[in-house]
Amino acid sequence: MKKILLLAMSAMVLVGCSKPKQLPPQEAWQKFCSVIPSAAANIMTDRQQGVKEADALEHAKKVPDRHAQQYLESLIKEAYKLPLYSDSDQRQKALDAFSQGREQECLKQAAQKK
């Protein structure tokens, strides 16, 4: 869970501090979306390790950007709709499936927010 928060905050720091000037919103979202596959993998890892949904959502609230926070919260809610597996192979398949295509999905949502 802390990894999710760290990834999201790192993305926002990169977005906000990578250049002296503020990035255009679309470019900021592109940078944010580039870390989403890792965040999705961490969310599903937490899910499969039995971390409570309420705890995961509480950590997401610490992300300073409201839109990024909402996106992470939606990922968490989606992950917690999926079953908890006891078999490590099933856990890995769930993690891989959950992470796949997330960057493109994020970019698509960012384009809709224009």
Protein backbone atom coordinates (compact mmCIF):
# COMPACT_ATOMS: atom_id res chain seq x y z
CA MET A 1 0.00 0.00 0.00
CA LYS A 2 2.82 2.35 0.81
CA LYS A 3 4.29 1.50 -2.60
CA ILE A 4 1.11 2.75 -4.27
CA LEU A 5 1.26 6.02 -2.41
CA LEU A 6 4.96 6.36 -3.13
CA LEU A 7 4.46 5.71 -6.86
CA ALA A 8 1.58 8.14 -7.12
CA MET A 9 3.39 10.84 -5.17
CA SER A 10 6.55 10.25 -7.21
CA ALA A 11 4.55 10.70 -10.38
CA MET A 12 3.05 13.91 -9.08
CA VAL A 13 6.49 15.16 -7.99
CA LEU A 14 7.85 14.37 -11.44
CA VAL A 15 4.90 16.15 -12.95
CA GLY A 16 5.23 19.19 -10.73
CA CYS A 17 8.98 19.46 -10.32
CA SER A 18 10.55 18.11 -13.47
CA LYS A 19 10.72 21.59 -15.02
CA PRO A 20 10.62 25.09 -13.58
CA LYS A 21 7.41 25.78 -15.50
CA GLN A 22 4.23 23.85 -14.86
CA LEU A 23 3.49 21.11 -17.36
CA PRO A 24 0.39 21.31 -19.52
CA PRO A 25 -2.39 19.11 -18.09
CA GLN A 26 -2.15 16.53 -20.89
CA GLU A 27 1.60 16.11 -20.40
CA ALA A 28 1.15 15.86 -16.63
CA TRP A 29 -1.40 13.09 -17.13
CA GLN A 30 0.95 11.26 -19.51
CA LYS A 31 3.61 11.20 -16.82
CA PHE A 32 1.07 10.07 -14.22
CA CYS A 33 -0.28 7.36 -16.52
CA SER A 34 3.22 6.00 -17.12
CA VAL A 35 3.38 4.77 -13.50
CA ILE A 36 -0.16 3.39 -13.40
CA PRO A 37 0.79 -0.17 -14.46
CA SER A 38 3.14 -0.37 -11.44
CA ALA A 39 0.51 1.16 -9.18
CA ALA A 40 -2.08 -1.34 -10.45
CA ALA A 41 0.33 -4.20 -9.76
CA ASN A 42 0.91 -2.91 -6.23
CA ILE A 43 -2.82 -2.51 -5.64
CA MET A 44 -3.48 -6.09 -6.73
CA THR A 45 -0.52 -7.34 -4.69
CA ASP A 46 -2.01 -5.67 -1.61
CA ARG A 47 -5.40 -7.17 -2.46
CA GLN A 48 -3.94 -10.66 -2.79
CA GLN A 49 -1.99 -10.25 0.46
CA GLY A 50 -5.18 -9.47 2.36
CA VAL A 51 -4.79 -5.73 2.88
CA LYS A 52 -8.21 -4.30 3.72
CA GLU A 53 -9.92 -2.18 1.07
CA ALA A 54 -10.57 0.61 3.59
CA ASP A 55 -6.84 0.80 4.38
CA ALA A 56 -5.92 0.97 0.70
CA LEU A 57 -8.48 3.72 0.09
CA GLU A 58 -7.19 5.65 3.10
CA HIS A 59 -3.67 5.64 1.63
CA ALA A 60 -4.99 6.83 -1.73
CA LYS A 61 -6.50 9.88 0.00
CA LYS A 62 -2.96 11.08 0.71
CA VAL A 63 -2.26 11.69 -3.00
CA PRO A 64 -2.30 15.48 -3.41
CA ASP A 65 -3.83 15.68 -6.89
CA ARG A 66 -7.61 15.17 -6.74
CA HIS A 67 -7.93 13.59 -10.19
CA ALA A 68 -5.02 11.21 -9.55
CA GLN A 69 -6.53 10.33 -6.19
CA GLN A 70 -9.89 9.55 -7.78
CA TYR A 71 -8.24 7.41 -10.44
CA LEU A 72 -6.32 5.40 -7.84
CA GLU A 73 -9.46 4.99 -5.75
CA SER A 74 -11.28 3.60 -8.79
CA LEU A 75 -8.44 1.10 -9.35
CA ILE A 76 -8.59 0.03 -5.72
CA LYS A 77 -12.36 -0.48 -5.84
CA GLU A 78 -12.01 -2.48 -9.05
CA ALA A 79 -9.26 -4.67 -7.56
CA TYR A 80 -11.32 -5.45 -4.48
CA LYS A 81 -14.19 -6.74 -6.64
CA LEU A 82 -11.88 -9.56 -7.75
CA PRO A 83 -11.39 -12.74 -5.71
CA LEU A 84 -8.61 -13.33 -3.24
CA TYR A 85 -6.54 -16.34 -4.32
CA SER A 86 -4.56 -18.69 -2.10
CA ASP A 87 -2.53 -20.24 -4.94
CA SER A 88 0.55 -18.19 -5.91
CA ASP A 89 0.10 -18.92 -9.64
CA GLN A 90 -3.47 -17.65 -9.51
CA ARG A 91 -2.31 -14.57 -7.61
CA GLN A 92 0.30 -13.83 -10.27
CA LYS A 93 -2.25 -14.28 -13.06
CA ALA A 94 -4.63 -11.90 -11.28
CA LEU A 95 -1.83 -9.35 -10.87
CA ASP A 96 -0.76 -9.61 -14.52
CA ALA A 97 -4.33 -9.37 -15.82
CA PHE A 98 -5.12 -6.40 -13.58
CA SER A 99 -2.00 -4.47 -14.64
CA GLN A 100 -2.28 -5.13 -18.36
CA GLY A 101 -3.36 -2.19 -20.51
CA ARG A 102 -3.62 0.24 -17.60
CA GLU A 103 -1.41 2.96 -19.09
CA GLN A 104 -3.50 3.14 -22.27
CA GLU A 105 -6.72 3.10 -20.24
CA CYS A 106 -5.42 5.96 -18.10
CA LEU A 107 -4.40 8.00 -21.15
CA LYS A 108 -7.82 7.42 -22.69
CA GLN A 109 -9.52 8.74 -19.55
CA ALA A 110 -7.15 11.72 -19.47
CA ALA A 111 -8.11 12.58 -23.05
CA GLN A 112 -11.78 12.53 -22.08
CA LYS A 113 -11.13 15.07 -19.30
CA LYS A 114 -9.95 17.74 -21.77
